[in-house]
C-alpha atoms as a PDB file:
ATOM      1  CA  MET A   1     -50.490  33.899  45.402  1.00  0.00           C
ATOM      2  CA  ASN A   2     -54.095  33.240  46.392  1.00  0.00           C
ATOM      3  CA  GLU A   3     -55.986  34.800  49.291  1.00  0.00           C
ATOM      4  CA  ILE A   4     -55.541  31.810  51.585  1.00  0.00           C
ATOM      5  CA  SER A   5     -51.779  31.690  51.089  1.00  0.00           C
ATOM      6  CA  ILE A   6     -51.543  35.438  51.712  1.00  0.00           C
ATOM      7  CA  PHE A   7     -53.268  35.070  55.072  1.00  0.00           C
ATOM      8  CA  ALA A   8     -51.077  32.058  55.835  1.00  0.00           C
ATOM      9  CA  LEU A   9     -48.009  34.155  55.018  1.00  0.00           C
ATOM     10  CA  ILE A  10     -49.171  36.981  57.312  1.00  0.00           C
ATOM     11  CA  PHE A  11     -49.825  34.673  60.264  1.00  0.00           C
ATOM     12  CA  SER A  12     -46.542  32.885  59.624  1.00  0.00           C
ATOM     13  CA  ALA A  13     -44.716  36.231  59.640  1.00  0.00           C
ATOM     14  CA  ILE A  14     -46.340  37.126  62.977  1.00  0.00           C
ATOM     15  CA  ARG A  15     -45.349  33.803  64.534  1.00  0.00           C
ATOM     16  CA  LEU A  16     -41.786  34.106  63.262  1.00  0.00           C
ATOM     17  CA  ALA A  17     -41.540  37.735  64.423  1.00  0.00           C
ATOM     18  CA  THR A  18     -42.716  36.919  67.968  1.00  0.00           C
ATOM     19  CA  PRO A  19     -39.338  35.844  69.423  1.00  0.00           C
ATOM     20  CA  LEU A  20     -37.679  38.793  67.687  1.00  0.00           C
ATOM     21  CA  ILE A  21     -40.130  41.229  69.296  1.00  0.00           C
ATOM     22  CA  PHE A  22     -39.440  39.873  72.784  1.00  0.00           C
ATOM     23  CA  ALA A  23     -35.661  39.972  72.296  1.00  0.00           C
ATOM     24  CA  ALA A  24     -35.608  43.402  70.628  1.00  0.00           C
ATOM     25  CA  LEU A  25     -37.764  44.961  73.356  1.00  0.00           C
ATOM     26  CA  GLY A  26     -35.406  43.462  75.919  1.00  0.00           C
ATOM     27  CA  GLY A  27     -32.424  44.926  74.107  1.00  0.00           C
ATOM     28  CA  LEU A  28     -34.246  48.257  73.983  1.00  0.00           C
ATOM     29  CA  PHE A  29     -34.247  48.634  77.775  1.00  0.00           C
ATOM     30  CA  SER A  30     -30.631  47.538  78.141  1.00  0.00           C
ATOM     31  CA  GLU A  31     -29.271  49.785  75.408  1.00  0.00           C
ATOM     32  CA  ARG A  32     -31.389  52.775  76.410  1.00  0.00           C
ATOM     33  CA  SER A  33     -29.686  52.521  79.805  1.00  0.00           C
ATOM     34  CA  GLY A  34     -26.252  52.573  78.142  1.00  0.00           C
ATOM     35  CA  VAL A  35     -25.329  48.871  78.124  1.00  0.00           C
ATOM     36  CA  ILE A  36     -24.807  47.176  74.755  1.00  0.00           C
ATOM     37  CA  ASN A  37     -26.595  43.838  74.785  1.00  0.00           C
ATOM     38  CA  ILE A  38     -25.084  41.691  72.094  1.00  0.00           C
ATOM     39  CA  ALA A  39     -25.802  38.745  74.419  1.00  0.00           C
ATOM     40  CA  LEU A  40     -29.429  38.548  73.231  1.00  0.00           C
ATOM     41  CA  GLU A  41     -28.621  35.353  71.320  1.00  0.00           C
ATOM     42  CA  GLY A  42     -27.302  33.605  74.423  1.00  0.00           C
ATOM     43  CA  LEU A  43     -30.178  34.866  76.565  1.00  0.00           C
ATOM     44  CA  MET A  44     -32.668  33.477  74.053  1.00  0.00           C
ATOM     45  CA  LEU A  45     -30.883  30.114  74.111  1.00  0.00           C
ATOM     46  CA  ALA A  46     -31.020  30.078  77.908  1.00  0.00           C
ATOM     47  CA  GLY A  47     -34.778  30.660  77.818  1.00  0.00           C
ATOM     48  CA  ALA A  48     -35.324  28.094  75.062  1.00  0.00           C
ATOM     49  CA  PHE A  49     -33.389  25.333  76.820  1.00  0.00           C
ATOM     50  CA  THR A  50     -34.750  25.950  80.314  1.00  0.00           C
ATOM     51  CA  GLY A  51     -38.295  26.356  79.008  1.00  0.00           C
ATOM     52  CA  ALA A  52     -38.133  23.068  77.094  1.00  0.00           C
ATOM     53  CA  VAL A  53     -36.664  21.113  80.012  1.00  0.00           C
ATOM     54  CA  VAL A  54     -39.116  22.427  82.615  1.00  0.00           C
ATOM     55  CA  THR A  55     -42.090  21.987  80.273  1.00  0.00           C
ATOM     56  CA  TYR A  56     -41.065  18.393  79.545  1.00  0.00           C
ATOM     57  CA  GLU A  57     -40.474  17.528  83.203  1.00  0.00           C
ATOM     58  CA  ALA A  58     -43.453  19.399  84.689  1.00  0.00           C
ATOM     59  CA  GLY A  59     -45.880  19.059  81.793  1.00  0.00           C
ATOM     60  CA  ASN A  60     -46.813  22.732  82.083  1.00  0.00           C
ATOM     61  CA  PRO A  61     -45.825  25.224  79.327  1.00  0.00           C
ATOM     62  CA  TYR A  62     -46.590  28.253  81.493  1.00  0.00           C
ATOM     63  CA  LEU A  63     -44.238  26.985  84.185  1.00  0.00           C
ATOM     64  CA  GLY A  64     -41.677  26.367  81.460  1.00  0.00           C
ATOM     65  CA  LEU A  65     -42.074  29.909  80.167  1.00  0.00           C
ATOM     66  CA  VAL A  66     -41.600  31.383  83.638  1.00  0.00           C
ATOM     67  CA  ALA A  67     -38.591  29.143  84.295  1.00  0.00           C
ATOM     68  CA  GLY A  68     -37.027  30.239  81.018  1.00  0.00           C
ATOM     69  CA  MET A  69     -37.497  33.886  81.964  1.00  0.00           C
ATOM     70  CA  VAL A  70     -35.874  33.252  85.356  1.00  0.00           C
ATOM     71  CA  ALA A  71     -32.905  31.607  83.632  1.00  0.00           C
ATOM     72  CA  GLY A  72     -32.591  34.629  81.345  1.00  0.00           C
ATOM     73  CA  ALA A  73     -32.686  36.968  84.342  1.00  0.00           C
ATOM     74  CA  VAL A  74     -29.920  35.039  86.121  1.00  0.00           C
ATOM     75  CA  LEU A  75     -27.689  34.941  83.040  1.00  0.00           C
ATOM     76  CA  ALA A  76     -28.334  38.625  82.336  1.00  0.00           C
ATOM     77  CA  PHE A  77     -27.357  39.457  85.913  1.00  0.00           C
ATOM     78  CA  VAL A  78     -24.034  37.674  85.385  1.00  0.00           C
ATOM     79  CA  TYR A  79     -23.551  39.719  82.223  1.00  0.00           C
ATOM     80  CA  ALA A  80     -24.484  42.916  84.081  1.00  0.00           C
ATOM     81  CA  VAL A  81     -21.968  42.221  86.846  1.00  0.00           C
ATOM     82  CA  ALA A  82     -19.207  41.721  84.275  1.00  0.00           C
ATOM     83  CA  CYS A  83     -20.064  44.896  82.335  1.00  0.00           C
ATOM     84  CA  ILE A  84     -21.192  47.257  85.110  1.00  0.00           C
ATOM     85  CA  LYS A  85     -19.216  46.263  88.196  1.00  0.00           C
ATOM     86  CA  PHE A  86     -16.008  45.023  86.561  1.00  0.00           C
ATOM     87  CA  GLU A  87     -16.294  47.268  83.477  1.00  0.00           C
ATOM     88  CA  ALA A  88     -15.519  44.434  81.063  1.00  0.00           C
ATOM     89  CA  ASP A  89     -15.817  45.123  77.361  1.00  0.00           C
ATOM     90  CA  GLN A  90     -19.528  44.810  76.673  1.00  0.00           C
ATOM     91  CA  VAL A  91     -19.200  43.330  73.184  1.00  0.00           C
ATOM     92  CA  VAL A  92     -16.643  40.721  74.266  1.00  0.00           C
ATOM     93  CA  SER A  93     -18.676  39.826  77.364  1.00  0.00           C
ATOM     94  CA  GLY A  94     -21.825  39.500  75.282  1.00  0.00           C
ATOM     95  CA  MET A  95     -20.132  37.199  72.798  1.00  0.00           C
ATOM     96  CA  ALA A  96     -18.814  35.119  75.701  1.00  0.00           C
ATOM     97  CA  ILE A  97     -22.406  34.653  76.913  1.00  0.00           C
ATOM     98  CA  ASN A  98     -23.437  33.615  73.401  1.00  0.00           C
ATOM     99  CA  PHE A  99     -20.633  31.065  73.083  1.00  0.00           C
ATOM    100  CA  LEU A 100     -21.367  29.741  76.567  1.00  0.00           C
ATOM    101  CA  MET A 101     -25.008  29.081  75.729  1.00  0.00           C
ATOM    102  CA  ILE A 102     -24.119  27.277  72.511  1.00  0.00           C
ATOM    103  CA  GLY A 103     -22.183  24.654  74.465  1.00  0.00           C
ATOM    104  CA  LEU A 104     -23.679  24.561  77.975  1.00  0.00           C
ATOM    105  CA  PRO A 105     -27.155  23.257  77.048  1.00  0.00           C
ATOM    106  CA  ALA A 106     -25.546  20.423  75.092  1.00  0.00           C
ATOM    107  CA  VAL A 107     -23.497  19.410  78.129  1.00  0.00           C
ATOM    108  CA  ILE A 108     -26.494  19.533  80.481  1.00  0.00           C
ATOM    109  CA  SER A 109     -28.781  17.759  78.001  1.00  0.00           C
ATOM    110  CA  GLY A 110     -26.194  15.040  77.471  1.00  0.00           C
ATOM    111  CA  ALA A 111     -25.925  14.500  81.221  1.00  0.00           C
ATOM    112  CA  ILE A 112     -29.691  14.406  81.802  1.00  0.00           C
ATOM    113  CA  TYR A 113     -31.110  12.827  78.638  1.00  0.00           C
ATOM    114  CA  ASP A 114     -28.051  11.132  77.072  1.00  0.00           C
ATOM    115  CA  SER A 115     -28.484  13.358  74.032  1.00  0.00           C
ATOM    116  CA  SER A 116     -26.402  16.478  73.485  1.00  0.00           C
ATOM    117  CA  GLY A 117     -28.217  17.426  70.277  1.00  0.00           C
ATOM    118  CA  SER A 118     -31.713  17.973  71.613  1.00  0.00           C
ATOM    119  CA  THR A 119     -34.071  17.518  74.551  1.00  0.00           C
ATOM    120  CA  PRO A 120     -36.911  14.955  74.438  1.00  0.00           C
ATOM    121  CA  GLN A 121     -40.042  15.753  72.459  1.00  0.00           C
ATOM    122  CA  ILE A 122     -42.736  17.632  74.393  1.00  0.00           C
ATOM    123  CA  ASP A 123     -46.302  16.352  74.086  1.00  0.00           C
ATOM    124  CA  LYS A 124     -48.435  18.676  71.966  1.00  0.00           C
ATOM    125  CA  VAL A 125     -50.939  19.103  74.790  1.00  0.00           C
ATOM    126  CA  ASN A 126     -48.136  20.642  76.868  1.00  0.00           C
ATOM    127  CA  LEU A 127     -47.221  23.314  74.318  1.00  0.00           C
ATOM    128  CA  LEU A 128     -48.360  26.933  74.470  1.00  0.00           C
ATOM    129  CA  PRO A 129     -51.922  27.042  73.071  1.00  0.00           C
ATOM    130  CA  GLU A 130     -52.833  28.676  69.782  1.00  0.00           C
ATOM    131  CA  PHE A 131     -55.990  30.604  68.967  1.00  0.00           C
ATOM    132  CA  PHE A 132     -57.815  29.621  65.774  1.00  0.00           C
ATOM    133  CA  ASN A 133     -54.742  27.451  64.996  1.00  0.00           C
ATOM    134  CA  ARG A 134     -52.974  30.641  64.007  1.00  0.00           C
ATOM    135  CA  LEU A 135     -51.647  32.798  66.835  1.00  0.00           C
ATOM    136  CA  SER A 136     -50.025  31.752  70.080  1.00  0.00           C
ATOM    137  CA  LEU A 137     -50.704  33.455  73.382  1.00  0.00           C
ATOM    138  CA  ALA A 138     -47.046  34.518  73.290  1.00  0.00           C
ATOM    139  CA  SER A 139     -47.603  36.375  69.993  1.00  0.00           C
ATOM    140  CA  ILE A 140     -50.521  38.301  71.474  1.00  0.00           C
ATOM    141  CA  LEU A 141     -48.440  39.108  74.550  1.00  0.00           C
ATOM    142  CA  ALA A 142     -45.530  40.304  72.398  1.00  0.00           C
ATOM    143  CA  PHE A 143     -47.793  42.724  70.520  1.00  0.00           C
ATOM    144  CA  ALA A 144     -49.345  43.944  73.776  1.00  0.00           C
ATOM    145  CA  LEU A 145     -45.893  44.646  75.202  1.00  0.00           C
ATOM    146  CA  VAL A 146     -45.087  47.215  72.512  1.00  0.00           C
ATOM    147  CA  PRO A 147     -47.504  49.965  73.668  1.00  0.00           C
ATOM    148  CA  ILE A 148     -46.705  49.080  77.287  1.00  0.00           C
ATOM    149  CA  CYS A 149     -42.986  49.575  76.653  1.00  0.00           C
ATOM    150  CA  TRP A 150     -43.703  52.815  74.776  1.00  0.00           C
ATOM    151  CA  TYR A 151     -45.714  54.137  77.706  1.00  0.00           C
ATOM    152  CA  ILE A 152     -43.064  53.119  80.238  1.00  0.00           C
ATOM    153  CA  LEU A 153     -40.260  54.641  78.200  1.00  0.00           C
ATOM    154  CA  TYR A 154     -41.878  57.980  77.352  1.00  0.00           C
ATOM    155  CA  LYS A 155     -44.616  58.607  79.910  1.00  0.00           C
ATOM    156  CA  THR A 156     -43.203  57.504  83.265  1.00  0.00           C
ATOM    157  CA  PRO A 157     -40.469  58.846  85.568  1.00  0.00           C
ATOM    158  CA  PHE A 158     -38.705  55.485  85.242  1.00  0.00           C
ATOM    159  CA  GLY A 159     -38.532  55.848  81.465  1.00  0.00           C
ATOM    160  CA  LEU A 160     -37.196  59.377  81.746  1.00  0.00           C
ATOM    161  CA  ARG A 161     -34.476  58.247  84.151  1.00  0.00           C
ATOM    162  CA  LEU A 162     -33.638  55.295  81.912  1.00  0.00           C
ATOM    163  CA  ARG A 163     -33.210  57.487  78.848  1.00  0.00           C
ATOM    164  CA  ALA A 164     -31.195  60.031  80.826  1.00  0.00           C
ATOM    165  CA  THR A 165     -28.910  57.261  82.055  1.00  0.00           C
ATOM    166  CA  GLY A 166     -28.202  56.196  78.490  1.00  0.00           C
ATOM    167  CA  GLU A 167     -27.613  59.741  77.243  1.00  0.00           C
ATOM    168  CA  ASN A 168     -25.723  61.414  80.081  1.00  0.00           C
ATOM    169  CA  PRO A 169     -25.218  59.251  83.181  1.00  0.00           C
ATOM    170  CA  GLY A 170     -23.155  61.926  84.932  1.00  0.00           C
ATOM    171  CA  ALA A 171     -25.949  64.476  84.710  1.00  0.00           C
ATOM    172  CA  ALA A 172     -28.528  61.878  85.727  1.00  0.00           C
ATOM    173  CA  ASP A 173     -26.435  60.951  88.755  1.00  0.00           C
ATOM    174  CA  ALA A 174     -26.117  64.612  89.701  1.00  0.00           C
ATOM    175  CA  VAL A 175     -29.899  64.945  90.029  1.00  0.00           C
ATOM    176  CA  GLY A 176     -30.233  61.807  92.146  1.00  0.00           C
ATOM    177  CA  VAL A 177     -30.770  59.003  89.626  1.00  0.00           C
ATOM    178  CA  LYS A 178     -29.217  55.704  90.772  1.00  0.00           C
ATOM    179  CA  VAL A 179     -27.379  55.060  87.512  1.00  0.00           C
ATOM    180  CA  ILE A 180     -25.705  51.780  88.477  1.00  0.00           C
ATOM    181  CA  ARG A 181     -28.864  50.312  89.988  1.00  0.00           C
ATOM    182  CA  LEU A 182     -30.922  51.365  86.984  1.00  0.00           C
ATOM    183  CA  ARG A 183     -28.492  49.751  84.562  1.00  0.00           C
ATOM    184  CA  TYR A 184     -28.580  46.487  86.516  1.00  0.00           C
ATOM    185  CA  PHE A 185     -32.361  46.513  86.408  1.00  0.00           C
ATOM    186  CA  ALA A 186     -32.464  47.285  82.673  1.00  0.00           C
ATOM    187  CA  VAL A 187     -30.030  44.495  81.769  1.00  0.00           C
ATOM    188  CA  VAL A 188     -31.883  41.927  83.911  1.00  0.00           C
ATOM    189  CA  LEU A 189     -35.169  43.022  82.343  1.00  0.00           C
ATOM    190  CA  SER A 190     -33.649  42.560  78.911  1.00  0.00           C
ATOM    191  CA  GLY A 191     -32.660  39.034  79.920  1.00  0.00           C
ATOM    192  CA  ILE A 192     -36.221  38.246  81.024  1.00  0.00           C
ATOM    193  CA  LEU A 193     -37.744  39.452  77.755  1.00  0.00           C
ATOM    194  CA  ALA A 194     -35.126  37.858  75.496  1.00  0.00           C
ATOM    195  CA  ALA A 195     -35.465  34.545  77.335  1.00  0.00           C
ATOM    196  CA  ALA A 196     -39.249  34.724  76.881  1.00  0.00           C
ATOM    197  CA  GLY A 197     -38.621  34.896  73.149  1.00  0.00           C
ATOM    198  CA  GLY A 198     -36.324  31.903  73.355  1.00  0.00           C
ATOM    199  CA  ALA A 199     -38.818  29.913  75.418  1.00  0.00           C
ATOM    200  CA  TYR A 200     -41.458  30.620  72.789  1.00  0.00           C
ATOM    201  CA  LEU A 201     -39.202  29.018  70.183  1.00  0.00           C
ATOM    202  CA  SER A 202     -38.962  25.725  72.064  1.00  0.00           C
ATOM    203  CA  ILE A 203     -42.445  25.438  73.612  1.00  0.00           C
ATOM    204  CA  GLY A 204     -44.436  27.530  71.145  1.00  0.00           C
ATOM    205  CA  GLN A 205     -43.063  27.046  67.647  1.00  0.00           C
ATOM    206  CA  SER A 206     -41.255  23.750  68.249  1.00  0.00           C
ATOM    207  CA  SER A 207     -41.784  20.942  70.721  1.00  0.00           C
ATOM    208  CA  LEU A 208     -38.199  20.522  71.929  1.00  0.00           C
ATOM    209  CA  PHE A 209     -34.876  22.306  72.255  1.00  0.00           C
ATOM    210  CA  THR A 210     -32.203  21.681  69.650  1.00  0.00           C
ATOM    211  CA  ARG A 211     -28.645  22.908  69.801  1.00  0.00           C
ATOM    212  CA  ASN A 212     -28.306  26.532  68.650  1.00  0.00           C
ATOM    213  CA  MET A 213     -31.992  26.598  67.716  1.00  0.00           C
ATOM    214  CA  THR A 214     -32.120  30.409  67.759  1.00  0.00           C
ATOM    215  CA  ALA A 215     -29.977  30.369  64.590  1.00  0.00           C
ATOM    216  CA  GLY A 216     -28.924  34.011  64.856  1.00  0.00           C
ATOM    217  CA  ARG A 217     -32.301  35.439  65.865  1.00  0.00           C
ATOM    218  CA  GLY A 218     -30.675  37.319  68.736  1.00  0.00           C
ATOM    219  CA  TYR A 219     -28.466  39.153  66.272  1.00  0.00           C
ATOM    220  CA  ILE A 220     -31.430  39.854  63.981  1.00  0.00           C
ATOM    221  CA  ALA A 221     -33.327  41.278  66.992  1.00  0.00           C
ATOM    222  CA  LEU A 222     -30.349  43.546  67.655  1.00  0.00           C
ATOM    223  CA  ALA A 223     -30.383  44.589  63.998  1.00  0.00           C
ATOM    224  CA  ALA A 224     -34.120  45.319  64.279  1.00  0.00           C
ATOM    225  CA  LEU A 225     -33.399  47.463  67.324  1.00  0.00           C
ATOM    226  CA  ILE A 226     -30.823  49.494  65.405  1.00  0.00           C
ATOM    227  CA  LEU A 227     -33.106  49.699  62.374  1.00  0.00           C
ATOM    228  CA  ALA A 228     -35.867  51.038  64.654  1.00  0.00           C
ATOM    229  CA  LYS A 229     -33.470  53.605  66.153  1.00  0.00           C
ATOM    230  CA  TRP A 230     -34.169  52.342  69.676  1.00  0.00           C
ATOM    231  CA  ARG A 231     -37.920  53.123  69.621  1.00  0.00           C
ATOM    232  CA  PRO A 232     -40.637  50.592  70.598  1.00  0.00           C
ATOM    233  CA  VAL A 233     -43.185  50.961  67.771  1.00  0.00           C
ATOM    234  CA  PRO A 234     -40.579  50.907  64.965  1.00  0.00           C
ATOM    235  CA  VAL A 235     -39.092  47.867  66.737  1.00  0.00           C
ATOM    236  CA  LEU A 236     -42.386  46.058  66.140  1.00  0.00           C
ATOM    237  CA  LEU A 237     -42.406  47.028  62.467  1.00  0.00           C
ATOM    238  CA  ALA A 238     -38.771  46.010  61.990  1.00  0.00           C
ATOM    239  CA  CYS A 239     -39.367  42.623  63.622  1.00  0.00           C
ATOM    240  CA  LEU A 240     -42.436  42.060  61.443  1.00  0.00           C
ATOM    241  CA  PHE A 241     -40.303  42.868  58.406  1.00  0.00           C
ATOM    242  CA  PHE A 242     -37.729  40.266  59.373  1.00  0.00           C
ATOM    243  CA  GLY A 243     -40.494  37.795  60.249  1.00  0.00           C
ATOM    244  CA  LEU A 244     -41.953  38.327  56.788  1.00  0.00           C
ATOM    245  CA  THR A 245     -38.595  37.683  55.110  1.00  0.00           C
ATOM    246  CA  GLU A 246     -38.262  34.419  57.045  1.00  0.00           C
ATOM    247  CA  ALA A 247     -41.835  33.437  56.125  1.00  0.00           C
ATOM    248  CA  LEU A 248     -41.050  34.114  52.470  1.00  0.00           C
ATOM    249  CA  THR A 249     -37.947  31.973  52.830  1.00  0.00           C
ATOM    250  CA  ILE A 250     -40.144  29.072  53.922  1.00  0.00           C
ATOM    251  CA  GLN A 251     -42.586  29.707  51.051  1.00  0.00           C
ATOM    252  CA  LEU A 252     -39.692  29.712  48.569  1.00  0.00           C
ATOM    253  CA  GLY A 253     -38.389  26.363  49.804  1.00  0.00           C
ATOM    254  CA  ASN A 254     -39.417  24.610  46.582  1.00  0.00           C
ATOM    255  CA  LEU A 255     -38.314  27.365  44.200  1.00  0.00           C
ATOM    256  CA  LYS A 256     -36.884  25.943  40.979  1.00  0.00           C
ATOM    257  CA  LEU A 257     -34.293  27.173  38.504  1.00  0.00           C
ATOM    258  CA  PRO A 258     -35.155  27.532  34.789  1.00  0.00           C
ATOM    259  CA  SER A 259     -33.400  24.187  34.307  1.00  0.00           C
ATOM    260  CA  GLY A 260     -35.956  22.528  36.578  1.00  0.00           C
ATOM    261  CA  GLU A 261     -33.597  21.921  39.481  1.00  0.00           C
ATOM    262  CA  ASN A 262     -34.378  23.172  42.991  1.00  0.00           C
ATOM    263  CA  VAL A 263     -32.565  26.295  44.157  1.00  0.00           C
ATOM    264  CA  PRO A 264     -30.015  25.229  46.805  1.00  0.00           C
ATOM    265  CA  ILE A 265     -31.651  25.593  50.201  1.00  0.00           C
ATOM    266  CA  GLN A 266     -28.590  27.410  51.557  1.00  0.00           C
ATOM    267  CA  PHE A 267     -29.228  30.348  49.189  1.00  0.00           C
ATOM    268  CA  ILE A 268     -32.850  30.564  50.309  1.00  0.00           C
ATOM    269  CA  GLN A 269     -31.950  30.371  54.004  1.00  0.00           C
ATOM    270  CA  MET A 270     -29.533  33.288  53.710  1.00  0.00           C
ATOM    271  CA  ILE A 271     -32.226  35.696  52.404  1.00  0.00           C
ATOM    272  CA  PRO A 272     -33.164  37.179  55.849  1.00  0.00           C
ATOM    273  CA  TYR A 273     -29.537  37.830  56.716  1.00  0.00           C
ATOM    274  CA  VAL A 274     -28.708  39.391  53.345  1.00  0.00           C
ATOM    275  CA  LEU A 275     -31.770  41.637  53.617  1.00  0.00           C
ATOM    276  CA  THR A 276     -30.682  42.596  57.136  1.00  0.00           C
ATOM    277  CA  ILE A 277     -27.307  43.781  55.823  1.00  0.00           C
ATOM    278  CA  ILE A 278     -28.872  45.624  52.885  1.00  0.00           C
ATOM    279  CA  VAL A 279     -31.464  47.420  55.018  1.00  0.00           C
ATOM    280  CA  LEU A 280     -28.975  48.405  57.714  1.00  0.00           C
ATOM    281  CA  ALA A 281     -26.371  49.546  55.212  1.00  0.00           C
ATOM    282  CA  GLY A 282     -28.513  51.435  52.757  1.00  0.00           C
ATOM    283  CA  PHE A 283     -31.967  52.374  53.940  1.00  0.00           C
ATOM    284  CA  ILE A 284     -32.110  53.510  57.541  1.00  0.00           C
ATOM    285  CA  GLY A 285     -29.929  56.603  57.246  1.00  0.00           C
ATOM    286  CA  LEU A 286     -28.287  58.009  60.334  1.00  0.00           C
ATOM    287  CA  SER A 287     -29.137  55.929  63.377  1.00  0.00           C
ATOM    288  CA  ARG A 288     -27.961  57.729  66.479  1.00  0.00           C
ATOM    289  CA  ALA A 289     -27.441  55.423  69.428  1.00  0.00           C
ATOM    290  CA  PRO A 290     -27.734  56.647  73.040  1.00  0.00           C
ATOM    291  CA  LYS A 291     -24.627  58.763  73.651  1.00  0.00           C
ATOM    292  CA  ALA A 292     -23.392  56.729  76.624  1.00  0.00           C
ATOM    293  CA  LEU A 293     -24.026  53.340  74.973  1.00  0.00           C
ATOM    294  CA  GLY A 294     -21.133  51.001  75.673  1.00  0.00           C
ATOM    295  CA  ILE A 295     -19.360  53.412  78.023  1.00  0.00           C
ATOM    296  CA  PRO A 296     -18.947  52.113  81.603  1.00  0.00           C
ATOM    297  CA  TYR A 297     -20.003  54.553  84.281  1.00  0.00           C
ATOM    298  CA  ARG A 298     -17.853  55.026  87.315  1.00  0.00           C
ATOM    299  CA  LYS A 299     -19.421  57.060  90.082  1.00  0.00           C
ATOM    300  CA  GLU A 300     -17.079  59.749  91.271  1.00  0.00           C
ATOM    301  CA  LYS A 301     -16.485  59.838  95.017  1.00  0.00           C
END
């Protein structure tokens, strides 16, 4: 591999890791507060669809990005109500959000644009700009968010309360922490960040929304979060690892067998997911989740 292709691979890995970084950082806040967020996939789809529609209609990618984040916040609030107020099973509720956002955009798109498969193409001038034809503004923002999230989580009273809520909500409540309110805030924040990652997919990497365009990235972001043991800087490294595997998958698209035939594309496309299973199963060791993760908290009267 020559020098130019190596640099191309690195920049491609960064671009492909960008939506994962947004989603994983969002999941970090939710899960540190004690709420499992398997709904990252659906939240990304909400951001991708809303971002594409608003960008196409308004001709402004920044407005589309903000609209996508608002949509993610609203959907995350619905998820938070189900899990926190009504104490629904967090995994089942998260999967319900994911299934909802596989079908709902198709219904809305079919009603608005007479096409349930995709939204109309966005003009290139209305997409998020790139610097040096390599990195999007969203990629730079995703990298900048990592030290910000680290500082918030470990150096501020809010971060201390958030971590206490995920470890021992009863003790946190006893010293005056508003556990329920904090969990609502953390889940909504996770929706905003995950939706930003989804919006980047449709108005940064692509120029339209297609049905189920996240293609499991929400689950990979969750895997990156577990691989990183719920810490911001390792989250960045884990997402870059998965971005690199996806970039390699693209590079290997024309790989041939000794017989001269192309390797079936399905085998190449499954590489990131197989590596995800291998890494999680064999290389990360003990990954201790927050002790109260997935356990509803009921304030005693």
